[in-house]
Amino acid sequence: MNIWLTFLAAGLVTYAIRLSFILMVGQREVPELLRRALRFVPPAVLTAIIFPELLAHSGQLDFSLHNPRLLAGLLAALVAWRTRSPLLTILVGMLALWILQGLVG
């Protein structure tokens, strides 16, 4: 029962935080400088999450061709750039990762 209460509490806190921003800022005009700066938040966060996973292997940076995550990530980036399809990017990236891990690992 405790786990469900924890899930419920986390959901309510998340909802309250998002609602507070909507209620506080929803009726105000966002300054242009802030609006331009906020456009860079998603790529910055995504980069901070993805690059350590692609480049860190056993606690050390690995830029070699023996790093299957890096190679799969590069292939996925190429697919994303050419097709602009998130689903195809994920599918190709994961398939490449599984194949490369089987070959290298």
N, C-alpha and C. Protein backbone atom coordinates (compact mmCIF):
# COMPACT_ATOMS: atom_id res chain seq x y z
N MET A 1 0.82 -1.20 0.00
CA MET A 1 0.00 0.00 0.00
C MET A 1 0.86 1.26 0.00
N ASN A 2 2.03 1.20 0.64
CA ASN A 2 2.90 2.37 0.71
C ASN A 2 3.38 2.81 -0.67
N ILE A 3 3.64 1.85 -1.54
CA ILE A 3 4.15 2.21 -2.87
C ILE A 3 3.09 3.00 -3.65
N TRP A 4 1.81 2.62 -3.51
CA TRP A 4 0.74 3.33 -4.21
C TRP A 4 0.56 4.73 -3.64
N LEU A 5 0.71 4.88 -2.34
CA LEU A 5 0.63 6.21 -1.74
C LEU A 5 1.80 7.08 -2.21
N THR A 6 2.96 6.47 -2.36
CA THR A 6 4.12 7.20 -2.86
C THR A 6 3.87 7.65 -4.29
N PHE A 7 3.34 6.76 -5.14
CA PHE A 7 3.03 7.13 -6.53
C PHE A 7 2.01 8.27 -6.56
N LEU A 8 0.98 8.16 -5.76
CA LEU A 8 -0.06 9.18 -5.72
C LEU A 8 0.51 10.52 -5.25
N ALA A 9 1.32 10.49 -4.21
CA ALA A 9 1.92 11.73 -3.70
C ALA A 9 2.85 12.36 -4.73
N ALA A 10 3.66 11.54 -5.40
CA ALA A 10 4.56 12.08 -6.43
C ALA A 10 3.77 12.69 -7.58
N GLY A 11 2.69 12.03 -7.97
CA GLY A 11 1.84 12.57 -9.04
C GLY A 11 1.20 13.88 -8.64
N LEU A 12 0.71 13.97 -7.41
CA LEU A 12 0.09 15.20 -6.95
C LEU A 12 1.10 16.35 -6.85
N VAL A 13 2.30 16.06 -6.37
CA VAL A 13 3.34 17.09 -6.29
C VAL A 13 3.71 17.58 -7.68
N THR A 14 3.88 16.65 -8.61
CA THR A 14 4.21 17.03 -9.98
C THR A 14 3.11 17.89 -10.58
N TYR A 15 1.87 17.48 -10.39
CA TYR A 15 0.73 18.23 -10.90
C TYR A 15 0.69 19.63 -10.28
N ALA A 16 0.91 19.72 -8.98
CA ALA A 16 0.87 21.01 -8.29
C ALA A 16 1.96 21.95 -8.79
N ILE A 17 3.14 21.42 -9.03
CA ILE A 17 4.23 22.25 -9.52
C ILE A 17 3.89 22.80 -10.91
N ARG A 18 3.40 21.95 -11.78
CA ARG A 18 3.05 22.40 -13.13
C ARG A 18 1.88 23.39 -13.10
N LEU A 19 0.89 23.11 -12.28
CA LEU A 19 -0.26 23.99 -12.18
C LEU A 19 0.15 25.36 -11.63
N SER A 20 1.08 25.38 -10.68
CA SER A 20 1.50 26.66 -10.11
C SER A 20 2.12 27.56 -11.17
N PHE A 21 2.91 26.99 -12.08
CA PHE A 21 3.49 27.79 -13.14
C PHE A 21 2.42 28.29 -14.10
N ILE A 22 1.45 27.46 -14.39
CA ILE A 22 0.37 27.87 -15.30
C ILE A 22 -0.42 29.00 -14.66
N LEU A 23 -0.73 28.89 -13.38
CA LEU A 23 -1.52 29.92 -12.71
C LEU A 23 -0.73 31.21 -12.53
N MET A 24 0.57 31.11 -12.25
CA MET A 24 1.37 32.32 -12.02
C MET A 24 1.76 33.02 -13.31
N VAL A 25 2.10 32.26 -14.35
CA VAL A 25 2.64 32.85 -15.56
C VAL A 25 1.63 32.81 -16.71
N GLY A 26 0.58 32.04 -16.58
CA GLY A 26 -0.35 31.84 -17.67
C GLY A 26 -1.01 33.10 -18.19
N GLN A 27 -1.24 34.07 -17.34
CA GLN A 27 -1.93 35.30 -17.75
C GLN A 27 -0.95 36.42 -18.10
N ARG A 28 0.32 36.18 -17.94
CA ARG A 28 1.32 37.22 -18.22
C ARG A 28 2.03 36.97 -19.54
N GLU A 29 2.50 38.04 -20.11
CA GLU A 29 3.28 37.94 -21.34
C GLU A 29 4.73 37.60 -20.97
N VAL A 30 5.27 36.56 -21.60
CA VAL A 30 6.64 36.15 -21.34
C VAL A 30 7.57 37.07 -22.13
N PRO A 31 8.57 37.66 -21.47
CA PRO A 31 9.51 38.53 -22.19
C PRO A 31 10.20 37.79 -23.34
N GLU A 32 10.48 38.51 -24.40
CA GLU A 32 11.08 37.91 -25.59
C GLU A 32 12.43 37.26 -25.29
N LEU A 33 13.24 37.88 -24.45
CA LEU A 33 14.54 37.31 -24.10
C LEU A 33 14.38 35.96 -23.42
N LEU A 34 13.43 35.86 -22.50
CA LEU A 34 13.18 34.58 -21.81
C LEU A 34 12.61 33.56 -22.79
N ARG A 35 11.74 33.97 -23.68
CA ARG A 35 11.16 33.07 -24.67
C ARG A 35 12.26 32.49 -25.57
N ARG A 36 13.19 33.33 -26.00
CA ARG A 36 14.30 32.83 -26.84
C ARG A 36 15.21 31.90 -26.06
N ALA A 37 15.45 32.22 -24.79
CA ALA A 37 16.32 31.38 -23.97
C ALA A 37 15.67 30.02 -23.70
N LEU A 38 14.36 29.98 -23.50
CA LEU A 38 13.67 28.73 -23.21
C LEU A 38 13.68 27.77 -24.39
N ARG A 39 13.88 28.27 -25.59
CA ARG A 39 13.95 27.39 -26.76
C ARG A 39 15.16 26.46 -26.69
N PHE A 40 16.18 26.85 -25.94
CA PHE A 40 17.40 26.05 -25.86
C PHE A 40 17.37 25.02 -24.72
N VAL A 41 16.36 25.05 -23.88
CA VAL A 41 16.29 24.13 -22.75
C VAL A 41 16.15 22.67 -23.19
N PRO A 42 15.19 22.31 -24.06
CA PRO A 42 15.07 20.89 -24.44
C PRO A 42 16.33 20.30 -25.07
N PRO A 43 16.99 20.98 -26.04
CA PRO A 43 18.21 20.37 -26.57
C PRO A 43 19.32 20.27 -25.53
N ALA A 44 19.40 21.23 -24.63
CA ALA A 44 20.44 21.18 -23.60
C ALA A 44 20.21 20.02 -22.64
N VAL A 45 18.97 19.82 -22.22
CA VAL A 45 18.65 18.72 -21.32
C VAL A 45 18.86 17.37 -22.01
N LEU A 46 18.40 17.27 -23.24
CA LEU A 46 18.57 16.02 -23.99
C LEU A 46 20.05 15.70 -24.19
N THR A 47 20.84 16.70 -24.48
CA THR A 47 22.28 16.50 -24.64
C THR A 47 22.92 16.05 -23.33
N ALA A 48 22.51 16.66 -22.24
CA ALA A 48 23.06 16.28 -20.92
C ALA A 48 22.70 14.86 -20.54
N ILE A 49 21.58 14.36 -21.02
CA ILE A 49 21.17 13.00 -20.71
C ILE A 49 21.85 12.00 -21.65
N ILE A 50 21.89 12.30 -22.93
CA ILE A 50 22.34 11.34 -23.94
C ILE A 50 23.85 11.19 -24.01
N PHE A 51 24.59 12.29 -24.03
CA PHE A 51 26.03 12.19 -24.26
C PHE A 51 26.79 11.37 -23.22
N PRO A 52 26.49 11.48 -21.93
CA PRO A 52 27.18 10.59 -20.99
C PRO A 52 26.90 9.11 -21.25
N GLU A 53 25.69 8.79 -21.69
CA GLU A 53 25.36 7.39 -21.99
C GLU A 53 26.10 6.89 -23.23
N LEU A 54 26.31 7.77 -24.19
CA LEU A 54 27.00 7.36 -25.41
C LEU A 54 28.51 7.28 -25.23
N LEU A 55 29.05 8.15 -24.41
CA LEU A 55 30.51 8.29 -24.35
C LEU A 55 31.16 7.64 -23.13
N ALA A 56 30.41 7.44 -22.07
CA ALA A 56 31.02 6.89 -20.85
C ALA A 56 30.88 5.37 -20.84
N HIS A 57 32.00 4.70 -20.72
CA HIS A 57 32.00 3.24 -20.64
C HIS A 57 32.91 2.85 -19.49
N SER A 58 32.36 2.20 -18.50
CA SER A 58 33.09 1.80 -17.29
C SER A 58 33.70 3.01 -16.58
N GLY A 59 32.96 4.12 -16.57
CA GLY A 59 33.42 5.30 -15.85
C GLY A 59 34.45 6.13 -16.58
N GLN A 60 34.80 5.77 -17.82
CA GLN A 60 35.78 6.53 -18.58
C GLN A 60 35.21 6.88 -19.94
N LEU A 61 35.69 8.00 -20.50
CA LEU A 61 35.25 8.38 -21.84
C LEU A 61 35.80 7.40 -22.86
N ASP A 62 34.94 7.02 -23.81
CA ASP A 62 35.33 6.05 -24.83
C ASP A 62 34.88 6.56 -26.19
N PHE A 63 35.81 7.14 -26.94
CA PHE A 63 35.53 7.67 -28.28
C PHE A 63 35.94 6.68 -29.37
N SER A 64 36.22 5.44 -29.00
CA SER A 64 36.75 4.47 -29.96
C SER A 64 35.66 3.83 -30.79
N LEU A 65 36.06 3.14 -31.84
CA LEU A 65 35.13 2.40 -32.67
C LEU A 65 34.68 1.10 -32.01
N HIS A 66 35.19 0.82 -30.84
CA HIS A 66 34.77 -0.36 -30.08
C HIS A 66 33.65 -0.02 -29.10
N ASN A 67 33.14 1.19 -29.17
CA ASN A 67 32.05 1.63 -28.31
C ASN A 67 30.74 1.50 -29.08
N PRO A 68 29.97 0.42 -28.82
CA PRO A 68 28.73 0.21 -29.59
C PRO A 68 27.68 1.29 -29.36
N ARG A 69 27.64 1.87 -28.18
CA ARG A 69 26.66 2.93 -27.91
C ARG A 69 26.94 4.17 -28.76
N LEU A 70 28.21 4.52 -28.87
CA LEU A 70 28.58 5.68 -29.68
C LEU A 70 28.23 5.45 -31.15
N LEU A 71 28.56 4.29 -31.67
CA LEU A 71 28.28 3.99 -33.07
C LEU A 71 26.77 3.96 -33.34
N ALA A 72 26.01 3.34 -32.45
CA ALA A 72 24.56 3.30 -32.61
C ALA A 72 23.97 4.70 -32.49
N GLY A 73 24.51 5.51 -31.60
CA GLY A 73 24.04 6.89 -31.45
C GLY A 73 24.32 7.72 -32.68
N LEU A 74 25.48 7.54 -33.27
CA LEU A 74 25.80 8.26 -34.51
C LEU A 74 24.88 7.85 -35.64
N LEU A 75 24.61 6.56 -35.75
CA LEU A 75 23.68 6.09 -36.78
C LEU A 75 22.27 6.64 -36.53
N ALA A 76 21.83 6.64 -35.29
CA ALA A 76 20.52 7.17 -34.95
C ALA A 76 20.45 8.67 -35.27
N ALA A 77 21.53 9.40 -34.99
CA ALA A 77 21.55 10.84 -35.30
C ALA A 77 21.44 11.07 -36.80
N LEU A 78 22.10 10.23 -37.57
CA LEU A 78 22.02 10.34 -39.03
C LEU A 78 20.59 10.08 -39.52
N VAL A 79 19.97 9.05 -38.97
CA VAL A 79 18.58 8.73 -39.34
C VAL A 79 17.65 9.88 -38.94
N ALA A 80 17.84 10.44 -37.76
CA ALA A 80 17.01 11.55 -37.30
C ALA A 80 17.18 12.76 -38.21
N TRP A 81 18.40 13.04 -38.59
CA TRP A 81 18.68 14.19 -39.45
C TRP A 81 18.05 14.02 -40.82
N ARG A 82 18.15 12.81 -41.39
CA ARG A 82 17.65 12.57 -42.75
C ARG A 82 16.13 12.39 -42.80
N THR A 83 15.54 11.72 -41.81
CA THR A 83 14.12 11.39 -41.90
C THR A 83 13.22 12.27 -41.03
N ARG A 84 13.76 12.85 -39.96
CA ARG A 84 12.98 13.62 -38.99
C ARG A 84 11.87 12.78 -38.36
N SER A 85 12.07 11.48 -38.29
CA SER A 85 11.07 10.56 -37.72
C SER A 85 11.58 10.03 -36.38
N PRO A 86 10.97 10.43 -35.28
CA PRO A 86 11.41 9.93 -33.97
C PRO A 86 11.29 8.41 -33.84
N LEU A 87 10.19 7.85 -34.35
CA LEU A 87 10.00 6.41 -34.23
C LEU A 87 11.06 5.65 -35.01
N LEU A 88 11.32 6.05 -36.24
CA LEU A 88 12.35 5.39 -37.04
C LEU A 88 13.73 5.56 -36.42
N THR A 89 13.99 6.73 -35.87
CA THR A 89 15.27 6.98 -35.20
C THR A 89 15.47 6.03 -34.03
N ILE A 90 14.45 5.87 -33.21
CA ILE A 90 14.54 4.97 -32.05
C ILE A 90 14.72 3.53 -32.51
N LEU A 91 13.93 3.12 -33.49
CA LEU A 91 14.02 1.74 -33.97
C LEU A 91 15.40 1.44 -34.56
N VAL A 92 15.90 2.30 -35.41
CA VAL A 92 17.22 2.07 -36.02
C VAL A 92 18.31 2.12 -34.96
N GLY A 93 18.22 3.08 -34.04
CA GLY A 93 19.23 3.19 -32.99
C GLY A 93 19.28 1.97 -32.09
N MET A 94 18.12 1.49 -31.67
CA MET A 94 18.08 0.32 -30.79
C MET A 94 18.53 -0.95 -31.53
N LEU A 95 18.08 -1.12 -32.76
CA LEU A 95 18.50 -2.27 -33.54
C LEU A 95 20.02 -2.26 -33.75
N ALA A 96 20.55 -1.09 -34.09
CA ALA A 96 22.00 -0.97 -34.27
C ALA A 96 22.74 -1.27 -32.97
N LEU A 97 22.22 -0.78 -31.85
CA LEU A 97 22.87 -1.03 -30.56
C LEU A 97 22.89 -2.52 -30.25
N TRP A 98 21.76 -3.20 -30.44
CA TRP A 98 21.71 -4.63 -30.15
C TRP A 98 22.67 -5.42 -31.05
N ILE A 99 22.70 -5.08 -32.31
CA ILE A 99 23.60 -5.78 -33.24
C ILE A 99 25.05 -5.50 -32.88
N LEU A 100 25.38 -4.24 -32.65
CA LEU A 100 26.77 -3.89 -32.32
C LEU A 100 27.21 -4.49 -30.99
N GLN A 101 26.33 -4.52 -30.01
CA GLN A 101 26.69 -5.13 -28.74
C GLN A 101 26.93 -6.62 -28.91
N GLY A 102 26.18 -7.25 -29.80
CA GLY A 102 26.40 -8.66 -30.08
C GLY A 102 27.72 -8.91 -30.80
N LEU A 103 28.11 -7.97 -31.67
CA LEU A 103 29.37 -8.15 -32.41
C LEU A 103 30.59 -7.79 -31.55
N VAL A 104 30.49 -6.69 -30.83
CA VAL A 104 31.64 -6.21 -30.05
C VAL A 104 31.71 -6.92 -28.71
N GLY A 105 30.55 -7.09 -28.06
CA GLY A 105 30.52 -7.67 -26.71
C GLY A 105 30.63 -9.12 -26.75
